[in-house]
């Protein structure tokens, strides 16, 4: 599924944009001009990665400082242990589009429990 995110001109370098999908997706524009999309929820605990700190191709979770590689989704160190899901990004006619991955997300236990109970994450 391809989802329009935002205009490239509206996402400055070094910033992020949160897509309200289920689960949410974060789109990052690095200082080098690259665009990446990952699941917006830290795999350790329910924290928004789009609110974290962007450095190069890594984003640091604002809650417990695990860092995720925007290119691969891999995590650098605990407390997070699982990678985040990555998504393909297309930029066409100045618009950023995210191609949602069909792989299952690695959501933290608190989000998974809410989904099983029928609530939202």
N, C-alpha and C. Protein backbone atom coordinates (compact mmCIF):
# COMPACT_ATOMS: atom_id res chain seq x y z
N UNK A 1 0.85 -1.17 0.00
CA UNK A 1 0.00 0.00 0.00
C UNK A 1 0.90 1.24 0.00
N UNK A 2 0.63 2.17 -0.89
CA UNK A 2 1.38 3.41 -0.99
C UNK A 2 0.57 4.53 -0.34
N UNK A 3 1.21 5.25 0.58
CA UNK A 3 0.54 6.32 1.32
C UNK A 3 1.27 7.64 1.07
N UNK A 4 0.56 8.68 0.66
CA UNK A 4 1.22 9.98 0.56
C UNK A 4 1.51 10.50 1.97
N UNK A 5 2.74 10.99 2.18
CA UNK A 5 3.12 11.47 3.51
C UNK A 5 3.02 13.00 3.60
N UNK A 6 3.87 13.68 2.86
CA UNK A 6 3.89 15.14 2.88
C UNK A 6 4.73 15.62 1.70
N UNK A 7 4.70 16.92 1.48
CA UNK A 7 5.54 17.47 0.42
C UNK A 7 6.99 17.53 0.92
N UNK A 8 7.92 17.23 0.05
CA UNK A 8 9.33 17.28 0.40
C UNK A 8 9.70 18.67 0.92
N UNK A 9 9.15 19.70 0.30
CA UNK A 9 9.45 21.07 0.71
C UNK A 9 8.96 21.37 2.14
N UNK A 10 8.02 20.59 2.64
CA UNK A 10 7.47 20.80 3.98
C UNK A 10 8.20 20.00 5.06
N UNK A 11 9.21 19.21 4.66
CA UNK A 11 9.96 18.41 5.63
C UNK A 11 11.43 18.81 5.56
N UNK A 12 11.84 19.79 6.38
CA UNK A 12 13.22 20.27 6.34
C UNK A 12 14.22 19.18 6.73
N UNK A 13 15.43 19.33 6.25
CA UNK A 13 16.50 18.39 6.65
C UNK A 13 16.64 18.41 8.16
N UNK A 14 16.86 17.22 8.72
CA UNK A 14 17.00 17.08 10.17
C UNK A 14 15.68 16.95 10.91
N UNK A 15 14.57 16.90 10.18
CA UNK A 15 13.25 16.82 10.80
C UNK A 15 12.55 15.51 10.46
N UNK A 16 11.43 15.28 11.13
CA UNK A 16 10.64 14.07 10.90
C UNK A 16 9.17 14.43 10.77
N UNK A 17 8.42 13.48 10.25
CA UNK A 17 6.98 13.64 10.07
C UNK A 17 6.33 12.33 10.47
N UNK A 18 5.29 12.38 11.27
CA UNK A 18 4.59 11.19 11.73
C UNK A 18 3.33 10.96 10.90
N UNK A 19 3.22 9.75 10.36
CA UNK A 19 2.01 9.34 9.64
C UNK A 19 1.13 8.59 10.62
N UNK A 20 -0.13 8.96 10.71
CA UNK A 20 -1.07 8.32 11.63
C UNK A 20 -1.66 7.06 11.00
N UNK A 21 -0.81 6.11 10.71
CA UNK A 21 -1.23 4.81 10.21
C UNK A 21 -1.35 3.87 11.40
N UNK A 22 -1.65 2.63 11.17
CA UNK A 22 -1.75 1.65 12.25
C UNK A 22 -0.84 0.47 11.96
N UNK A 23 0.34 0.40 12.60
CA UNK A 23 0.92 1.34 13.57
C UNK A 23 1.47 2.58 12.87
N UNK A 24 1.72 3.65 13.65
CA UNK A 24 2.24 4.89 13.06
C UNK A 24 3.60 4.68 12.40
N UNK A 25 3.87 5.50 11.39
CA UNK A 25 5.14 5.47 10.65
C UNK A 25 5.78 6.84 10.77
N UNK A 26 7.11 6.87 10.92
CA UNK A 26 7.86 8.12 10.97
C UNK A 26 8.68 8.24 9.69
N UNK A 27 8.62 9.42 9.08
CA UNK A 27 9.41 9.73 7.89
C UNK A 27 10.49 10.72 8.34
N UNK A 28 11.74 10.42 8.02
CA UNK A 28 12.87 11.25 8.42
C UNK A 28 13.57 11.82 7.19
N UNK A 29 13.97 13.09 7.28
CA UNK A 29 14.77 13.74 6.24
C UNK A 29 16.11 14.05 6.89
N UNK A 30 17.15 13.32 6.51
CA UNK A 30 18.45 13.50 7.16
C UNK A 30 19.13 14.77 6.70
N UNK A 31 20.15 15.18 7.43
CA UNK A 31 20.93 16.36 7.06
C UNK A 31 21.59 16.18 5.70
N UNK A 32 21.85 14.92 5.30
CA UNK A 32 22.45 14.62 4.00
C UNK A 32 21.43 14.62 2.87
N UNK A 33 20.15 14.83 3.21
CA UNK A 33 19.11 14.90 2.19
C UNK A 33 18.43 13.59 1.88
N UNK A 34 18.76 12.52 2.61
CA UNK A 34 18.12 11.23 2.40
C UNK A 34 16.77 11.20 3.12
N UNK A 35 15.84 10.42 2.57
CA UNK A 35 14.52 10.26 3.18
C UNK A 35 14.34 8.79 3.55
N UNK A 36 13.95 8.53 4.79
CA UNK A 36 13.73 7.16 5.28
C UNK A 36 12.39 7.09 6.01
N UNK A 37 11.82 5.90 6.06
CA UNK A 37 10.58 5.68 6.82
C UNK A 37 10.71 4.40 7.63
N UNK A 38 10.36 4.49 8.89
CA UNK A 38 10.37 3.34 9.81
C UNK A 38 9.09 3.40 10.64
N UNK A 39 8.78 2.28 11.30
CA UNK A 39 7.68 2.32 12.27
C UNK A 39 8.04 3.35 13.34
N UNK A 40 7.07 4.11 13.79
CA UNK A 40 7.32 5.21 14.72
C UNK A 40 7.38 4.78 16.18
N UNK A 41 7.13 3.52 16.47
CA UNK A 41 7.08 3.07 17.86
C UNK A 41 8.33 2.28 18.21
N UNK A 42 9.02 2.70 19.28
CA UNK A 42 10.19 1.97 19.76
C UNK A 42 9.77 0.54 20.11
N UNK A 43 10.63 -0.41 19.82
CA UNK A 43 10.29 -1.82 20.08
C UNK A 43 10.42 -2.20 21.55
N UNK A 44 10.97 -1.32 22.37
CA UNK A 44 11.10 -1.60 23.80
C UNK A 44 9.87 -1.15 24.58
N UNK A 45 9.42 0.08 24.33
CA UNK A 45 8.30 0.64 25.06
C UNK A 45 7.61 1.64 24.15
N UNK A 46 6.36 1.93 24.41
CA UNK A 46 5.57 2.79 23.55
C UNK A 46 6.08 4.24 23.58
N UNK A 47 7.05 4.53 22.71
CA UNK A 47 7.60 5.88 22.58
C UNK A 47 7.70 6.22 21.10
N UNK A 48 7.40 7.46 20.76
CA UNK A 48 7.43 7.90 19.37
C UNK A 48 8.85 8.23 18.93
N UNK A 49 9.34 7.49 17.94
CA UNK A 49 10.69 7.74 17.44
C UNK A 49 10.77 9.06 16.67
N UNK A 50 9.66 9.53 16.13
CA UNK A 50 9.67 10.82 15.43
C UNK A 50 9.94 11.97 16.39
N UNK A 51 9.80 11.72 17.69
CA UNK A 51 10.11 12.72 18.71
C UNK A 51 11.53 12.55 19.24
N UNK A 52 12.27 11.60 18.68
CA UNK A 52 13.64 11.34 19.12
C UNK A 52 14.64 12.26 18.46
N UNK A 53 15.93 11.95 18.64
CA UNK A 53 17.01 12.77 18.14
C UNK A 53 17.62 12.10 16.91
N UNK A 54 17.68 12.85 15.83
CA UNK A 54 18.20 12.35 14.57
C UNK A 54 19.67 12.73 14.44
N UNK A 55 20.51 11.73 14.19
CA UNK A 55 21.94 11.98 13.98
C UNK A 55 22.42 11.07 12.86
N UNK A 56 22.74 11.68 11.72
CA UNK A 56 23.12 10.88 10.56
C UNK A 56 21.96 10.02 10.13
N UNK A 57 22.19 8.72 10.04
CA UNK A 57 21.14 7.76 9.66
C UNK A 57 20.60 7.01 10.87
N UNK A 58 20.73 7.59 12.05
CA UNK A 58 20.25 6.97 13.29
C UNK A 58 19.27 7.89 13.98
N UNK A 59 18.27 7.28 14.63
CA UNK A 59 17.37 8.04 15.48
C UNK A 59 17.44 7.43 16.88
N UNK A 60 17.53 8.31 17.88
CA UNK A 60 17.61 7.87 19.27
C UNK A 60 16.23 7.98 19.91
N UNK A 61 15.77 6.90 20.52
CA UNK A 61 14.49 6.90 21.21
C UNK A 61 14.52 7.93 22.34
N UNK A 62 13.47 8.77 22.45
CA UNK A 62 13.46 9.79 23.49
C UNK A 62 13.25 9.24 24.90
N UNK A 63 12.88 7.98 25.01
CA UNK A 63 12.57 7.43 26.33
C UNK A 63 13.78 6.80 27.01
N UNK A 64 14.46 5.85 26.36
CA UNK A 64 15.56 5.14 27.00
C UNK A 64 16.84 5.09 26.17
N UNK A 65 16.91 5.88 25.10
CA UNK A 65 18.15 6.12 24.34
C UNK A 65 18.64 4.97 23.45
N UNK A 66 17.83 3.96 23.19
CA UNK A 66 18.24 2.99 22.16
C UNK A 66 18.22 3.73 20.83
N UNK A 67 19.15 3.38 19.94
CA UNK A 67 19.23 4.02 18.63
C UNK A 67 18.87 3.02 17.55
N UNK A 68 18.13 3.51 16.53
CA UNK A 68 17.71 2.66 15.42
C UNK A 68 18.29 3.20 14.12
N UNK A 69 18.81 2.29 13.30
CA UNK A 69 19.36 2.64 11.99
C UNK A 69 18.20 2.85 11.03
N UNK A 70 18.08 4.02 10.46
CA UNK A 70 16.97 4.33 9.56
C UNK A 70 17.03 3.51 8.27
N UNK A 71 18.23 3.05 7.89
CA UNK A 71 18.39 2.30 6.65
C UNK A 71 17.94 0.85 6.79
N UNK A 72 18.19 0.25 7.96
CA UNK A 72 17.93 -1.18 8.14
C UNK A 72 16.92 -1.48 9.23
N UNK A 73 16.69 -0.53 10.15
CA UNK A 73 15.81 -0.76 11.29
C UNK A 73 16.51 -1.38 12.48
N UNK A 74 17.79 -1.76 12.32
CA UNK A 74 18.50 -2.44 13.41
C UNK A 74 18.67 -1.51 14.61
N UNK A 75 18.78 -2.11 15.78
CA UNK A 75 18.93 -1.36 17.02
C UNK A 75 20.36 -1.53 17.52
N UNK A 76 20.90 -0.46 18.16
CA UNK A 76 22.30 -0.50 18.59
C UNK A 76 22.52 -1.16 19.93
N UNK A 77 21.58 -1.01 20.88
CA UNK A 77 21.82 -1.53 22.23
C UNK A 77 20.52 -1.54 23.02
N UNK A 78 20.51 -2.33 24.13
CA UNK A 78 19.33 -2.35 25.00
C UNK A 78 19.06 -0.96 25.55
N UNK A 79 17.83 -0.72 26.00
CA UNK A 79 16.85 -1.74 26.35
C UNK A 79 16.09 -2.32 25.15
N UNK A 80 16.04 -1.63 24.00
CA UNK A 80 15.38 -2.23 22.84
C UNK A 80 16.24 -3.39 22.34
N UNK A 81 15.59 -4.47 21.93
CA UNK A 81 16.32 -5.64 21.43
C UNK A 81 15.93 -5.99 20.01
N UNK A 82 14.73 -5.61 19.61
CA UNK A 82 14.24 -5.95 18.27
C UNK A 82 14.34 -4.75 17.35
N UNK A 83 14.56 -4.98 16.06
CA UNK A 83 14.62 -3.88 15.11
C UNK A 83 13.23 -3.30 14.86
N UNK A 84 13.19 -2.10 14.30
CA UNK A 84 11.93 -1.54 13.82
C UNK A 84 11.78 -1.90 12.35
N UNK A 85 10.56 -1.95 11.90
CA UNK A 85 10.27 -2.26 10.51
C UNK A 85 10.57 -1.03 9.66
N UNK A 86 11.19 -1.24 8.51
CA UNK A 86 11.46 -0.15 7.58
C UNK A 86 10.46 -0.19 6.44
N UNK A 87 10.30 0.96 5.77
CA UNK A 87 9.37 1.08 4.66
C UNK A 87 10.07 1.78 3.50
N UNK A 88 9.71 1.41 2.29
CA UNK A 88 10.27 2.04 1.11
C UNK A 88 9.70 3.46 0.98
N UNK A 89 10.54 4.37 0.50
CA UNK A 89 10.12 5.76 0.29
C UNK A 89 10.28 6.12 -1.18
N UNK A 90 9.27 6.77 -1.73
CA UNK A 90 9.32 7.28 -3.10
C UNK A 90 9.07 8.78 -3.06
N UNK A 91 9.83 9.52 -3.84
CA UNK A 91 9.58 10.95 -3.97
C UNK A 91 9.24 11.21 -5.43
N UNK A 92 8.00 11.64 -5.67
CA UNK A 92 7.52 11.89 -7.02
C UNK A 92 6.84 13.25 -7.07
N UNK A 93 7.28 14.07 -8.01
CA UNK A 93 6.69 15.41 -8.19
C UNK A 93 6.68 16.21 -6.89
N UNK A 94 7.77 16.09 -6.11
CA UNK A 94 7.88 16.85 -4.88
C UNK A 94 7.08 16.31 -3.70
N UNK A 95 6.46 15.15 -3.87
CA UNK A 95 5.65 14.54 -2.80
C UNK A 95 6.34 13.28 -2.29
N UNK A 96 6.40 13.14 -0.97
CA UNK A 96 6.96 11.93 -0.36
C UNK A 96 5.85 10.92 -0.19
N UNK A 97 6.09 9.70 -0.68
CA UNK A 97 5.15 8.59 -0.53
C UNK A 97 5.86 7.46 0.22
N UNK A 98 5.13 6.77 1.07
CA UNK A 98 5.66 5.63 1.81
C UNK A 98 4.97 4.37 1.31
N UNK A 99 5.78 3.39 0.94
CA UNK A 99 5.26 2.08 0.55
C UNK A 99 5.33 1.22 1.81
N UNK A 100 4.18 0.97 2.42
CA UNK A 100 4.14 0.23 3.68
C UNK A 100 4.61 -1.20 3.51
N UNK A 101 5.47 -1.64 4.40
CA UNK A 101 5.96 -3.01 4.40
C UNK A 101 4.83 -3.96 4.78
N UNK A 102 4.86 -5.16 4.21
CA UNK A 102 3.87 -6.16 4.61
C UNK A 102 4.41 -7.10 5.68
N UNK A 103 5.65 -6.84 6.14
CA UNK A 103 6.22 -7.63 7.24
C UNK A 103 5.50 -7.26 8.54
N UNK A 104 5.41 -8.18 9.48
CA UNK A 104 4.77 -7.83 10.76
C UNK A 104 5.63 -6.85 11.55
N UNK A 105 5.02 -5.90 12.24
CA UNK A 105 5.79 -4.94 13.03
C UNK A 105 6.31 -5.57 14.32
N UNK A 106 7.39 -5.03 14.85
CA UNK A 106 7.91 -5.42 16.17
C UNK A 106 7.45 -4.38 17.18
N UNK A 107 6.25 -4.56 17.68
CA UNK A 107 5.69 -3.61 18.64
C UNK A 107 6.08 -4.01 20.06
N UNK A 108 6.21 -3.03 20.96
CA UNK A 108 6.52 -3.35 22.35
C UNK A 108 5.34 -4.07 23.00
N UNK A 109 5.58 -4.79 24.09
CA UNK A 109 4.51 -5.54 24.76
C UNK A 109 3.29 -4.70 25.11
N UNK A 110 3.47 -3.44 25.50
CA UNK A 110 2.32 -2.61 25.89
C UNK A 110 1.40 -2.37 24.69
N UNK A 111 1.94 -2.18 23.50
CA UNK A 111 1.11 -1.97 22.30
C UNK A 111 0.46 -3.27 21.86
N UNK A 112 1.19 -4.37 21.94
CA UNK A 112 0.66 -5.66 21.55
C UNK A 112 -0.51 -6.05 22.44
N UNK A 113 -0.39 -5.82 23.75
CA UNK A 113 -1.46 -6.15 24.68
C UNK A 113 -2.71 -5.34 24.37
N UNK A 114 -2.53 -4.05 24.05
CA UNK A 114 -3.68 -3.20 23.73
C UNK A 114 -4.38 -3.69 22.46
N UNK A 115 -3.61 -4.12 21.46
CA UNK A 115 -4.20 -4.63 20.23
C UNK A 115 -4.98 -5.91 20.48
N UNK A 116 -4.43 -6.80 21.29
CA UNK A 116 -5.11 -8.07 21.58
C UNK A 116 -6.40 -7.83 22.36
N UNK A 117 -6.42 -6.77 23.17
CA UNK A 117 -7.61 -6.45 23.96
C UNK A 117 -8.64 -5.67 23.15
N UNK A 118 -8.28 -5.35 21.89
CA UNK A 118 -9.22 -4.64 21.04
C UNK A 118 -9.12 -3.14 21.11
N UNK A 119 -8.11 -2.63 21.83
CA UNK A 119 -7.93 -1.19 21.92
C UNK A 119 -6.93 -0.72 20.89
N UNK A 120 -6.70 0.57 20.88
CA UNK A 120 -5.68 1.11 19.97
C UNK A 120 -4.37 1.20 20.71
N UNK A 121 -3.30 1.25 19.93
CA UNK A 121 -1.96 1.31 20.54
C UNK A 121 -1.65 2.66 21.08
